Each structure stands twice: as C-alpha cells, then as structure tokens.
Amino acid sequence: MTDTRTETTDITRRQFLGSAALFGGTAAGLVSGRASDLPAECAPNAYQLADSTNMLHTVCLQCNTGCGIRVKLQDGVAVKIEGSPYSPWTLVPPIDYRTPLADAALVEGALCPKGQAGVQTAYDPYRIVKVLKRAGPRGANEWTAIPFEQAVREIVDGGTLFRNVKGKETRRVTGLRELWALKDAKLAAEMSTAVEEIRTQKSAREKQEAVEAFKARFKDHLHLLIDPEHPDLGPKNNQVSFVWDRLKGGRAEFIKRFISESFGSINAHGHTTVCQGSLYFTGEAMSDQFVEGRLTGGKKFYWQADTANVEFLLAIGSSYIEGGYGPTHHARKLMGNLVEDKVKIAVVDPRFSKIAAKAWMWVPAKPGTEAALALGMIRWIIDEQRYDRKFLSAANKAGAKAVGEQSWTNAAWLVKEDGSFLRASEAGVGQKETRTTADGKK
C-alpha cells in the first residue's frame, strides 16, 4: 500500500514572516524598483510606457497625503499611475532631484491602491465635467447642463436666472459685479482701521458714538457697506463667501488670492476642524515654547511619527496600513521592522483592522472609553514608577540643560481647578516673581 500522507514541517512564526516578507518583497519589486535590475528581454526600451515623453509628474489627490506621482500615457490617455521616484513619500531613499527625466523613467516608486485608482476617478463615467444649473425646486435633484461661458456670465452679472423654475420666475440673483462694491484699496484700509476703533470701545454708548463718528467720516461711501448701522459687517464684497473642502497643490492659495486679495471679501474658508482639529492643535501644542510666562509660538503642522526607527507604536483608532498618511509612506517601514522584530505595535480599536492583525496586542476598547484607558495607563505608570524621573524633573529649558536632557516637559506641573498652572508661591515653596516682558510690561 502506498503511503499518501503529507509530511509536515514545523516552522516558527518568525520564519514564516521572514518568508512572507521575502516573497512580498519579490512581488513588490515588480511594481516598485529600478528597471536596471530587469533582465535584457524586459529592457525599458521594449516597454512603451518607459518613455519619459509619455509621463506626467504631478501630485495624487486621492487622499490628503499628497504623494508625488507619475502618470503614464498611451495615445494621450492615462493608463497607469505610480509613485514618483523623486518623492520621499513613495521611494526610500528618493532619487536626486537633478536626475534627468529620461533616467528617472527607469525607476518606479510605490503607490497605494487608492492612488493607483486615480485612473478610474479621472475616467469615471459619472464624473461631473460640465456645469450643472438647478432646473427645479431645491432638493428636487433636477439639473440642466449649460455652457461654461453662460455659467460665468450668470455668476458675474446675476439677474432672473430661474425663469423656468415654478415659483422662482421673478427671483433676482445678485451677481459678483454688483457685490464688488468697494474697489478702492486705500479707502478699504481706512474703513478697516476705523472699524477697529469701534471694536476697542468698552461700553454700548461709546460704541454707538464711534459708529456715528464713522458714518460722518465716510458719509459719501456708506452705500458700499452691507449695513451702515453695523460697519463691522464690512463692505458688500463680504457677501461673497467661498467655502471649500480640501484644496491642495496651490488651489487654496489661488482662491484666497482671488476672493480675499482681489475681490476683497473676508469670507474665504477652508474645511472645518472636525477631522483634523486634534492633529493640527496637537502639533501646535507639541512645538509651543514657554515665552514670558505662557506657552506660545507652536506651528500647526502634520507632525509624523518616526515609524522607521520607533520601537513601540501605540495606534489608537488609526491604521498606518490603511490610512493616516500611511499606506505608501509608513507601511513599508513598519512591515520591514515587524518582520525583524524591531518594533512592537499595540492597537486600540473596536475594529480588527489590518494593523491590528499584525499587532503584538489588540485592545478592542468600546468607542468613547479611550480616555479611561489612557488614564488607567497613566495610573499604572505612576503606581509602578515606570516613568522617567530624570526627564520629568526637567520642567523648563534651564532644567533640561541642568540634567543633560535635549528637551523638557510640563507633565509634572500642577494644574488648578480653573485650568491655570499652580505657581510655586501659591504652594508656599517660593517667592512670587515679577518679570518684565519684551514690551516693558510687568
């Protein structure tokens, strides 16, 4: 009788991950690497899309990361999008910026699936490529396509633009031309200064007197204002508001230049802080400096974790493998270090995400309990004395210098119930200090 049993071989987790990384790296080499490594039969000159004259270098806007990309064209049609070899987001290390385009064409950067899907976005049959004008009541989802020139004319000149909509036949829409009321830059500056004088008044009576003085001073120009009784509303120009979602690659700057600097409206606003407020303000707080008794001067910026060198990563509700400015930029660094056991990852997320599947520990905390978990971790660190006493003793720059630390922290500062920091004099361990600020104030 023939033995048909399959022989099994024990393999450790590290060996398995190492093998997976090897095969994964081999596969990745097919889409991200240097063409000089290819065999002769696959030489670049045999590949039509390796011609630099068929490539466009631009920026991916499929998400807010803004990776550098290269779009390959065939007969004028985009057929492939890949990472730019010049960008540190898509190739580590990137090639020298002085590399000729013809030589750069032989090197491909990495790009996440969402970025590669930009071809589908560009040629989506449902993509709106014409100007649509409402052709029915609001909310009826009735539209008609109009020529671009007509749209520009109606936006600028206004008028009875909905004559074909029942109930709106005589409705008049004010155009940009009419709202562009205040055009004199010198007059605008004088009015702005006068409005600030109104704001500085303390009582209602003083403010009203300042308004009357404003009206007397600018009596020949009151027709330019939204409401002469409320000069702080500004000129009619402010009735034009441009509110956008995400605009990258210089588009926001262009719109601000048109709406604010040219048209003269103060109402040019980007998207809200609902999704990025914590990121912006955390970055600002991290870079604040203690100047004249207060923390100030921080920069709102996309502070990034050093995933290439980190030894322990705590991901709370985020996944560098799926998002968080990560699929192209961070994932490659993390995966290599994971295979080599150079990093441990702990994930706090009710969802078993892709990064949780590769984590050392997954904590499926219920939504809304993350703060309690953080406080519990802090409590344990204090009870077990697992904190860096030397670093915590550096309460300011002078303290950091004294103990040989590169930076300092206010983590050990005591906070009063009103949210302000407790002073040494208030705790009875020092004298109250009086300092003179740069402008001479005590």
Protein backbone atom coordinates (compact mmCIF):
# COMPACT_ATOMS: atom_id res chain seq x y z
CA MET A 1 0.00 0.00 0.00
CA THR A 2 1.28 3.43 -0.90
CA ASP A 3 1.58 5.96 1.92
CA THR A 4 -0.19 9.11 0.74
CA ARG A 5 0.21 11.09 3.96
CA THR A 6 1.72 14.55 3.63
CA GLU A 7 4.85 15.15 5.64
CA THR A 8 4.58 18.22 7.89
CA THR A 9 7.39 20.56 8.80
CA ASP A 10 7.43 22.75 11.89
CA ILE A 11 8.03 26.41 11.14
CA THR A 12 8.28 29.27 13.59
CA ARG A 13 6.29 32.47 13.30
CA ARG A 14 9.47 34.44 12.64
CA GLN A 15 10.49 32.06 9.84
CA PHE A 16 7.03 32.31 8.30
CA LEU A 17 7.02 36.12 8.43
CA GLY A 18 10.53 36.21 7.02
CA SER A 19 9.48 34.02 4.10
CA ALA A 20 6.36 36.11 3.54
CA ALA A 21 8.46 39.27 3.53
CA LEU A 22 10.82 37.68 1.01
CA PHE A 23 8.02 36.75 -1.38
CA GLY A 24 6.25 40.04 -0.72
CA GLY A 25 9.45 41.94 -1.43
CA THR A 26 9.88 39.98 -4.65
CA ALA A 27 6.36 40.87 -5.73
CA ALA A 28 6.86 44.48 -4.72
CA GLY A 29 9.97 44.57 -6.88
CA LEU A 30 7.74 44.05 -9.90
CA VAL A 31 5.94 47.32 -9.24
CA SER A 32 8.49 49.34 -7.32
CA GLY A 33 12.18 49.23 -8.07
CA ARG A 34 14.91 50.10 -10.51
CA ALA A 35 14.50 48.99 -14.09
CA SER A 36 18.24 48.44 -14.37
CA ASP A 37 17.71 45.24 -12.38
CA LEU A 38 15.45 43.76 -15.07
CA PRO A 39 16.71 41.07 -17.48
CA ALA A 40 17.55 42.05 -21.05
CA GLU A 41 14.30 40.73 -22.51
CA CYS A 42 12.43 43.14 -20.21
CA ALA A 43 14.61 46.15 -21.01
CA PRO A 44 12.89 49.55 -20.72
CA ASN A 45 13.18 50.29 -24.44
CA ALA A 46 10.89 47.33 -25.04
CA TYR A 47 8.26 48.88 -22.79
CA GLN A 48 6.34 51.70 -24.44
CA LEU A 49 5.40 53.35 -21.14
CA ALA A 50 9.05 53.64 -20.06
CA ASP A 51 9.45 56.62 -22.41
CA SER A 52 9.69 59.79 -20.30
CA THR A 53 7.85 61.76 -23.01
CA ASN A 54 4.76 59.69 -22.18
CA MET A 55 4.83 60.61 -18.49
CA LEU A 56 3.33 63.41 -16.43
CA HIS A 57 4.71 64.23 -12.97
CA THR A 58 2.11 65.55 -10.55
CA VAL A 59 0.59 65.04 -7.09
CA CYS A 60 -2.01 62.47 -6.03
CA LEU A 61 -5.18 63.92 -4.52
CA GLN A 62 -6.99 60.65 -3.89
CA CYS A 63 -6.42 61.42 -0.19
CA ASN A 64 -4.95 64.31 1.78
CA THR A 65 -1.41 62.92 1.91
CA GLY A 66 -0.43 64.35 -1.46
CA CYS A 67 2.11 61.77 -2.63
CA GLY A 68 4.22 62.61 -5.64
CA ILE A 69 3.06 60.53 -8.60
CA ARG A 70 3.89 59.83 -12.21
CA VAL A 71 1.11 59.25 -14.72
CA LYS A 72 1.90 57.13 -17.76
CA LEU A 73 0.11 57.91 -21.01
CA GLN A 74 -0.68 55.80 -24.03
CA ASP A 75 -2.02 57.66 -27.05
CA GLY A 76 -2.78 60.60 -24.78
CA VAL A 77 -4.79 58.52 -22.30
CA ALA A 78 -3.69 57.88 -18.70
CA VAL A 79 -3.27 54.12 -18.31
CA LYS A 80 -1.15 53.79 -15.18
CA ILE A 81 -0.30 55.80 -12.07
CA GLU A 82 2.75 55.03 -9.95
CA GLY A 83 4.78 56.69 -7.23
CA SER A 84 7.26 59.36 -8.25
CA PRO A 85 10.88 58.29 -7.75
CA TYR A 86 11.66 61.89 -6.75
CA SER A 87 9.30 61.79 -3.74
CA PRO A 88 10.38 60.60 -0.27
CA TRP A 89 6.77 59.54 0.28
CA THR A 90 6.90 56.92 -2.46
CA LEU A 91 10.55 55.85 -2.71
CA VAL A 92 13.03 55.49 0.15
CA PRO A 93 15.51 56.92 -0.48
CA PRO A 94 14.26 59.05 -3.38
CA ILE A 95 16.46 59.72 -6.37
CA ASP A 96 18.31 63.02 -6.70
CA TYR A 97 16.10 65.87 -7.95
CA ARG A 98 18.75 66.60 -10.56
CA THR A 99 18.25 63.19 -12.19
CA PRO A 100 17.19 63.69 -15.84
CA LEU A 101 13.62 62.64 -16.60
CA ALA A 102 14.82 60.05 -19.11
CA ASP A 103 16.89 58.35 -16.40
CA ALA A 104 14.15 58.73 -13.79
CA ALA A 105 11.79 56.92 -16.16
CA LEU A 106 13.67 53.72 -15.35
CA VAL A 107 12.87 53.97 -11.62
CA GLU A 108 9.41 53.41 -10.17
CA GLY A 109 8.12 54.50 -6.78
CA ALA A 110 5.45 52.72 -4.76
CA LEU A 111 1.84 53.83 -4.56
CA CYS A 112 -1.13 52.55 -2.59
CA PRO A 113 -4.18 51.04 -4.36
CA LYS A 114 -6.24 54.18 -3.76
CA GLY A 115 -3.66 56.28 -5.55
CA GLN A 116 -3.45 53.84 -8.44
CA ALA A 117 -7.25 54.02 -8.72
CA GLY A 118 -6.88 57.65 -9.77
CA VAL A 119 -7.22 56.43 -13.36
CA GLN A 120 -10.74 55.26 -12.53
CA THR A 121 -11.53 58.59 -10.89
CA ALA A 122 -10.33 60.53 -13.92
CA TYR A 123 -12.38 58.49 -16.39
CA ASP A 124 -15.38 57.71 -14.19
CA PRO A 125 -18.47 57.94 -16.46
CA TYR A 126 -20.34 59.63 -13.60
CA ARG A 127 -17.69 62.28 -13.06
CA ILE A 128 -19.19 65.75 -13.48
CA VAL A 129 -17.34 67.51 -16.28
CA LYS A 130 -20.00 70.07 -17.21
CA VAL A 131 -21.57 73.00 -15.41
CA LEU A 132 -24.90 71.94 -13.89
CA LYS A 133 -27.58 74.52 -13.10
CA ARG A 134 -30.58 73.83 -10.89
CA ALA A 135 -33.69 73.32 -13.02
CA GLY A 136 -36.25 72.70 -10.28
CA PRO A 137 -37.04 73.43 -6.63
CA ARG A 138 -34.26 72.99 -4.09
CA GLY A 139 -33.88 69.34 -3.18
CA ALA A 140 -35.67 68.09 -6.29
CA ASN A 141 -32.38 66.92 -7.85
CA GLU A 142 -33.31 68.46 -11.19
CA TRP A 143 -30.41 69.84 -13.22
CA THR A 144 -29.59 71.06 -16.68
CA ALA A 145 -26.16 71.35 -18.30
CA ILE A 146 -25.19 74.82 -19.50
CA PRO A 147 -22.13 76.09 -21.42
CA PHE A 148 -19.20 77.26 -19.32
CA GLU A 149 -19.41 80.75 -20.82
CA GLN A 150 -23.07 81.05 -19.79
CA ALA A 151 -22.22 80.00 -16.24
CA VAL A 152 -19.52 82.67 -15.97
CA ARG A 153 -21.86 85.32 -17.36
CA GLU A 154 -24.71 84.47 -14.97
CA ILE A 155 -22.42 84.28 -11.92
CA VAL A 156 -20.90 87.66 -12.74
CA ASP A 157 -24.00 89.55 -13.92
CA GLY A 158 -26.76 87.83 -11.92
CA GLY A 159 -30.37 88.56 -12.88
CA THR A 160 -33.54 86.46 -13.08
CA LEU A 161 -31.73 83.18 -13.52
CA PHE A 162 -34.58 80.78 -12.65
CA ARG A 163 -37.31 81.90 -15.03
CA ASN A 164 -38.07 78.27 -15.88
CA VAL A 165 -38.48 77.15 -12.25
CA LYS A 166 -42.03 77.31 -10.96
CA GLY A 167 -42.39 79.90 -8.22
CA LYS A 168 -38.97 81.41 -8.94
CA GLU A 169 -39.76 83.09 -12.26
CA THR A 170 -39.13 86.62 -10.95
CA ARG A 171 -36.46 85.84 -8.37
CA ARG A 172 -33.45 88.08 -8.89
CA VAL A 173 -29.96 86.82 -8.06
CA THR A 174 -27.25 89.36 -7.26
CA GLY A 175 -24.11 88.83 -9.33
CA LEU A 176 -20.47 89.28 -8.43
CA ARG A 177 -20.27 92.50 -10.43
CA GLU A 178 -22.82 94.21 -8.18
CA LEU A 179 -21.31 92.82 -4.97
CA TRP A 180 -17.86 94.06 -5.93
CA ALA A 181 -18.72 97.40 -4.36
CA LEU A 182 -15.61 98.60 -2.53
CA LYS A 183 -12.73 98.70 -5.02
CA ASP A 184 -10.52 101.46 -3.59
CA ALA A 185 -7.77 99.73 -1.56
CA LYS A 186 -6.84 102.92 0.32
CA LEU A 187 -10.45 103.59 1.30
CA ALA A 188 -10.86 99.96 2.36
CA ALA A 189 -7.82 100.23 4.65
CA GLU A 190 -9.12 103.47 6.21
CA MET A 191 -12.54 101.93 6.86
CA SER A 192 -10.95 98.83 8.37
CA THR A 193 -8.89 100.93 10.78
CA ALA A 194 -11.98 102.92 11.77
CA VAL A 195 -13.94 99.72 12.44
CA GLU A 196 -11.15 98.50 14.74
CA GLU A 197 -11.51 101.75 16.68
CA ILE A 198 -15.20 100.92 17.18
CA ARG A 199 -14.29 97.46 18.47
CA THR A 200 -11.96 98.89 21.11
CA GLN A 201 -14.75 100.85 22.79
CA LYS A 202 -15.91 99.36 26.08
CA SER A 203 -19.50 100.47 26.69
CA ALA A 204 -22.51 100.35 24.38
CA ARG A 205 -22.74 104.16 24.48
CA GLU A 206 -19.10 104.56 23.45
CA LYS A 207 -19.54 102.07 20.64
CA GLN A 208 -22.62 103.89 19.32
CA GLU A 209 -20.78 107.20 19.42
CA ALA A 210 -17.93 105.61 17.47
CA VAL A 211 -20.41 104.30 14.88
CA GLU A 212 -21.88 107.78 14.43
CA ALA A 213 -18.38 109.19 14.01
CA PHE A 214 -17.67 106.51 11.41
CA LYS A 215 -20.83 107.37 9.48
CA ALA A 216 -19.98 111.06 9.50
CA ARG A 217 -16.44 110.42 8.31
CA PHE A 218 -17.45 108.09 5.48
CA LYS A 219 -20.86 109.62 4.64
CA ASP A 220 -20.12 109.55 0.90
CA HIS A 221 -19.33 105.82 0.93
CA LEU A 222 -21.98 104.30 3.19
CA HIS A 223 -23.74 102.78 0.17
CA LEU A 224 -20.77 100.42 -0.17
CA LEU A 225 -21.48 98.77 3.18
CA ILE A 226 -23.73 95.83 3.97
CA ASP A 227 -25.33 97.82 6.79
CA PRO A 228 -24.14 101.37 7.67
CA GLU A 229 -25.50 100.89 11.21
CA HIS A 230 -23.14 97.94 11.63
CA PRO A 231 -19.88 98.92 9.89
CA ASP A 232 -18.21 95.83 11.36
CA LEU A 233 -20.07 93.70 8.80
CA GLY A 234 -17.85 95.33 6.21
CA PRO A 235 -18.49 96.16 2.55
CA LYS A 236 -20.93 94.35 0.28
CA ASN A 237 -17.91 92.44 -1.01
CA ASN A 238 -18.17 90.29 2.13
CA GLN A 239 -21.49 88.91 0.90
CA VAL A 240 -19.45 86.66 -1.38
CA SER A 241 -18.31 83.59 0.52
CA PHE A 242 -16.18 80.79 -0.88
CA VAL A 243 -16.20 77.69 1.32
CA TRP A 244 -14.28 74.63 0.21
CA ASP A 245 -13.47 71.17 1.45
CA ARG A 246 -9.90 70.08 0.72
CA LEU A 247 -7.84 72.08 -1.72
CA LYS A 248 -4.20 71.15 -2.13
CA GLY A 249 -1.46 71.84 -4.62
CA GLY A 250 -1.79 75.63 -4.60
CA ARG A 251 -5.53 75.72 -5.30
CA ALA A 252 -6.42 77.14 -1.88
CA GLU A 253 -3.81 79.87 -2.33
CA PHE A 254 -5.26 80.74 -5.74
CA ILE A 255 -8.80 81.00 -4.36
CA LYS A 256 -7.70 83.13 -1.40
CA ARG A 257 -5.87 85.42 -3.77
CA PHE A 258 -9.00 85.84 -5.91
CA ILE A 259 -11.66 86.06 -3.17
CA SER A 260 -9.72 87.93 -0.47
CA GLU A 261 -6.91 89.87 -2.10
CA SER A 262 -8.61 90.70 -5.40
CA PHE A 263 -12.36 90.68 -4.79
CA GLY A 264 -11.96 91.95 -1.24
CA SER A 265 -14.14 89.51 0.72
CA ILE A 266 -13.04 88.27 4.11
CA ASN A 267 -15.09 85.10 3.70
CA ALA A 268 -12.70 82.55 2.19
CA HIS A 269 -12.81 79.50 4.43
CA GLY A 270 -11.36 76.00 4.23
CA HIS A 271 -13.00 72.89 5.62
CA THR A 272 -13.78 72.59 9.32
CA THR A 273 -11.62 71.08 12.05
CA VAL A 274 -13.94 68.13 12.59
CA CYS A 275 -11.48 65.64 11.13
CA GLN A 276 -8.13 67.33 11.68
CA GLY A 277 -8.51 69.63 14.65
CA SER A 278 -6.83 67.19 17.02
CA LEU A 279 -3.90 66.71 14.63
CA TYR A 280 -3.37 70.41 13.98
CA PHE A 281 -3.66 71.54 17.58
CA THR A 282 -1.63 68.65 18.97
CA GLY A 283 1.16 69.59 16.57
CA GLU A 284 0.88 73.20 17.68
CA ALA A 285 1.00 72.25 21.37
CA MET A 286 3.99 69.97 20.81
CA SER A 287 6.00 72.81 19.31
CA ASP A 288 4.92 75.56 21.73
CA GLN A 289 7.69 77.35 23.60
CA PHE A 290 7.42 78.90 27.06
CA VAL A 291 7.82 82.62 26.46
CA GLU A 292 7.17 85.32 29.05
CA GLY A 293 5.03 83.15 31.28
CA ARG A 294 2.99 81.30 28.67
CA LEU A 295 3.28 78.58 26.05
CA THR A 296 3.12 80.06 22.57
CA GLY A 297 4.55 80.05 19.08
CA GLY A 298 3.70 76.47 18.11
CA LYS A 299 3.16 75.51 14.48
CA LYS A 300 0.05 73.79 13.16
CA PHE A 301 1.63 71.08 11.08
CA TYR A 302 1.34 67.40 10.20
CA TRP A 303 3.67 66.01 12.83
CA GLN A 304 4.58 62.47 11.80
CA ALA A 305 5.75 59.52 13.89
CA ASP A 306 9.24 58.22 13.11
CA THR A 307 7.96 54.81 12.01
CA ALA A 308 11.34 53.87 10.56
CA ASN A 309 13.02 53.94 13.99
CA VAL A 310 10.22 53.60 16.53
CA GLU A 311 10.49 50.63 18.91
CA PHE A 312 6.94 50.69 20.27
CA LEU A 313 3.92 52.05 18.42
CA LEU A 314 0.57 52.67 20.09
CA ALA A 315 -2.14 53.15 17.46
CA ILE A 316 -5.45 54.40 18.86
CA GLY A 317 -8.20 54.31 16.26
CA SER A 318 -5.75 54.58 13.37
CA SER A 319 -4.08 52.22 10.94
CA TYR A 320 -0.90 53.11 9.10
CA ILE A 321 -1.55 50.23 6.74
CA GLU A 322 -4.95 51.55 5.64
CA GLY A 323 -4.76 55.31 6.15
CA GLY A 324 -3.34 58.02 8.38
CA TYR A 325 -0.83 59.27 5.82
CA GLY A 326 0.50 55.76 5.88
CA PRO A 327 -0.16 53.20 3.14
CA THR A 328 2.69 54.40 0.96
CA HIS A 329 4.84 56.33 3.40
CA HIS A 330 4.70 54.35 6.65
CA ALA A 331 3.59 50.82 5.81
CA ARG A 332 6.81 49.81 4.08
CA LYS A 333 8.94 50.94 7.02
CA LEU A 334 6.71 49.29 9.59
CA MET A 335 6.40 45.95 7.84
CA GLY A 336 10.14 45.51 7.49
CA ASN A 337 10.71 46.27 11.16
CA LEU A 338 7.85 43.97 12.16
CA VAL A 339 9.38 41.03 10.33
CA GLU A 340 12.73 41.66 12.02
CA ASP A 341 11.10 42.07 15.47
CA LYS A 342 12.41 45.62 15.76
CA VAL A 343 9.05 47.10 16.71
CA LYS A 344 6.04 46.18 18.82
CA ILE A 345 2.63 47.52 17.90
CA ALA A 346 -0.34 47.85 20.24
CA VAL A 347 -3.67 48.75 18.66
CA VAL A 348 -6.66 50.25 20.48
CA ASP A 349 -9.61 49.95 18.13
CA PRO A 350 -13.02 48.27 18.35
CA ARG A 351 -12.45 47.17 14.76
CA PHE A 352 -9.99 44.38 14.00
CA SER A 353 -8.12 46.45 11.44
CA LYS A 354 -5.31 45.32 9.19
CA ILE A 355 -2.71 46.77 11.52
CA ALA A 356 -4.42 45.06 14.48
CA ALA A 357 -3.96 41.75 12.66
CA LYS A 358 -0.20 42.32 12.76
CA ALA A 359 -0.03 43.83 16.24
CA TRP A 360 1.61 42.45 19.37
CA MET A 361 -1.54 43.40 21.29
CA TRP A 362 -5.05 44.35 20.19
CA VAL A 363 -7.30 46.13 22.70
CA PRO A 364 -10.90 46.21 21.36
CA ALA A 365 -11.97 49.14 23.54
CA LYS A 366 -15.53 50.33 23.23
CA PRO A 367 -15.96 53.68 21.45
CA GLY A 368 -15.75 56.54 23.94
CA THR A 369 -13.67 54.65 26.50
CA GLU A 370 -10.26 55.58 25.10
CA ALA A 371 -9.79 58.38 27.66
CA ALA A 372 -10.50 55.98 30.54
CA LEU A 373 -7.94 53.56 29.10
CA ALA A 374 -5.34 56.35 28.85
CA LEU A 375 -5.99 57.42 32.46
CA GLY A 376 -5.64 53.81 33.57
CA MET A 377 -2.30 53.54 31.80
CA ILE A 378 -1.11 56.74 33.48
CA ARG A 379 -2.25 55.42 36.87
CA TRP A 380 -0.30 52.19 36.35
CA ILE A 381 2.82 54.07 35.26
CA ILE A 382 2.68 56.19 38.42
CA ASP A 383 1.93 53.28 40.77
CA GLU A 384 4.68 51.12 39.29
CA GLN A 385 7.11 54.05 38.99
CA ARG A 386 7.74 53.25 35.34
CA TYR A 387 8.25 56.89 34.44
CA ASP A 388 11.50 58.67 33.57
CA ARG A 389 12.13 60.64 36.75
CA LYS A 390 15.12 62.47 35.32
CA PHE A 391 13.22 63.70 32.26
CA LEU A 392 10.17 64.72 34.29
CA SER A 393 12.41 66.80 36.56
CA ALA A 394 13.28 68.99 33.57
CA ALA A 395 10.34 71.38 33.93
CA ASN A 396 11.80 74.04 31.65
CA LYS A 397 14.71 74.68 29.31
CA ALA A 398 17.07 75.54 32.15
CA GLY A 399 16.10 72.34 33.95
CA ALA A 400 16.67 70.28 30.82
CA LYS A 401 20.13 71.76 30.41
CA ALA A 402 20.95 71.09 34.06
CA VAL A 403 20.16 67.36 33.84
CA GLY A 404 21.52 66.86 30.33
CA GLU A 405 18.20 66.35 28.53
CA GLN A 406 17.57 67.51 24.98
CA SER A 407 14.01 68.68 25.69
CA TRP A 408 11.68 69.36 28.59
CA THR A 409 8.08 68.73 29.62
CA ASN A 410 5.33 70.33 31.69
CA ALA A 411 3.84 66.91 32.51
CA ALA A 412 4.78 67.31 36.19
CA TRP A 413 3.32 70.81 36.53
CA LEU A 414 0.31 71.05 38.82
CA VAL A 415 -2.92 72.41 37.37
CA LYS A 416 -5.51 74.36 39.36
CA GLU A 417 -9.25 73.82 39.02
CA ASP A 418 -9.56 76.88 36.78
CA GLY A 419 -7.14 75.29 34.32
CA SER A 420 -4.15 77.53 35.04
CA PHE A 421 -0.81 76.25 36.32
CA LEU A 422 -0.06 76.37 40.04
CA ARG A 423 2.74 78.80 40.88
CA ALA A 424 5.43 77.97 43.44
CA SER A 425 4.43 80.99 45.51
CA GLU A 426 0.85 79.73 45.64
CA ALA A 427 2.07 76.40 47.02
CA GLY A 428 4.16 78.17 49.65
CA VAL A 429 7.51 76.92 48.34
CA GLY A 430 8.84 80.09 46.80
CA GLN A 431 8.51 83.84 46.45
CA LYS A 432 6.22 85.42 43.88
CA GLU A 433 8.23 86.52 40.87
CA THR A 434 7.69 89.68 38.86
CA ARG A 435 9.13 89.70 35.36
CA THR A 436 9.29 92.32 32.65
CA THR A 437 8.11 91.28 29.19
CA ALA A 438 9.74 92.33 25.94
CA ASP A 439 7.31 95.26 25.60
CA GLY A 440 8.10 96.51 29.12
CA LYS A 441 5.01 95.19 30.87
CA LYS A 442 5.24 93.69 34.37
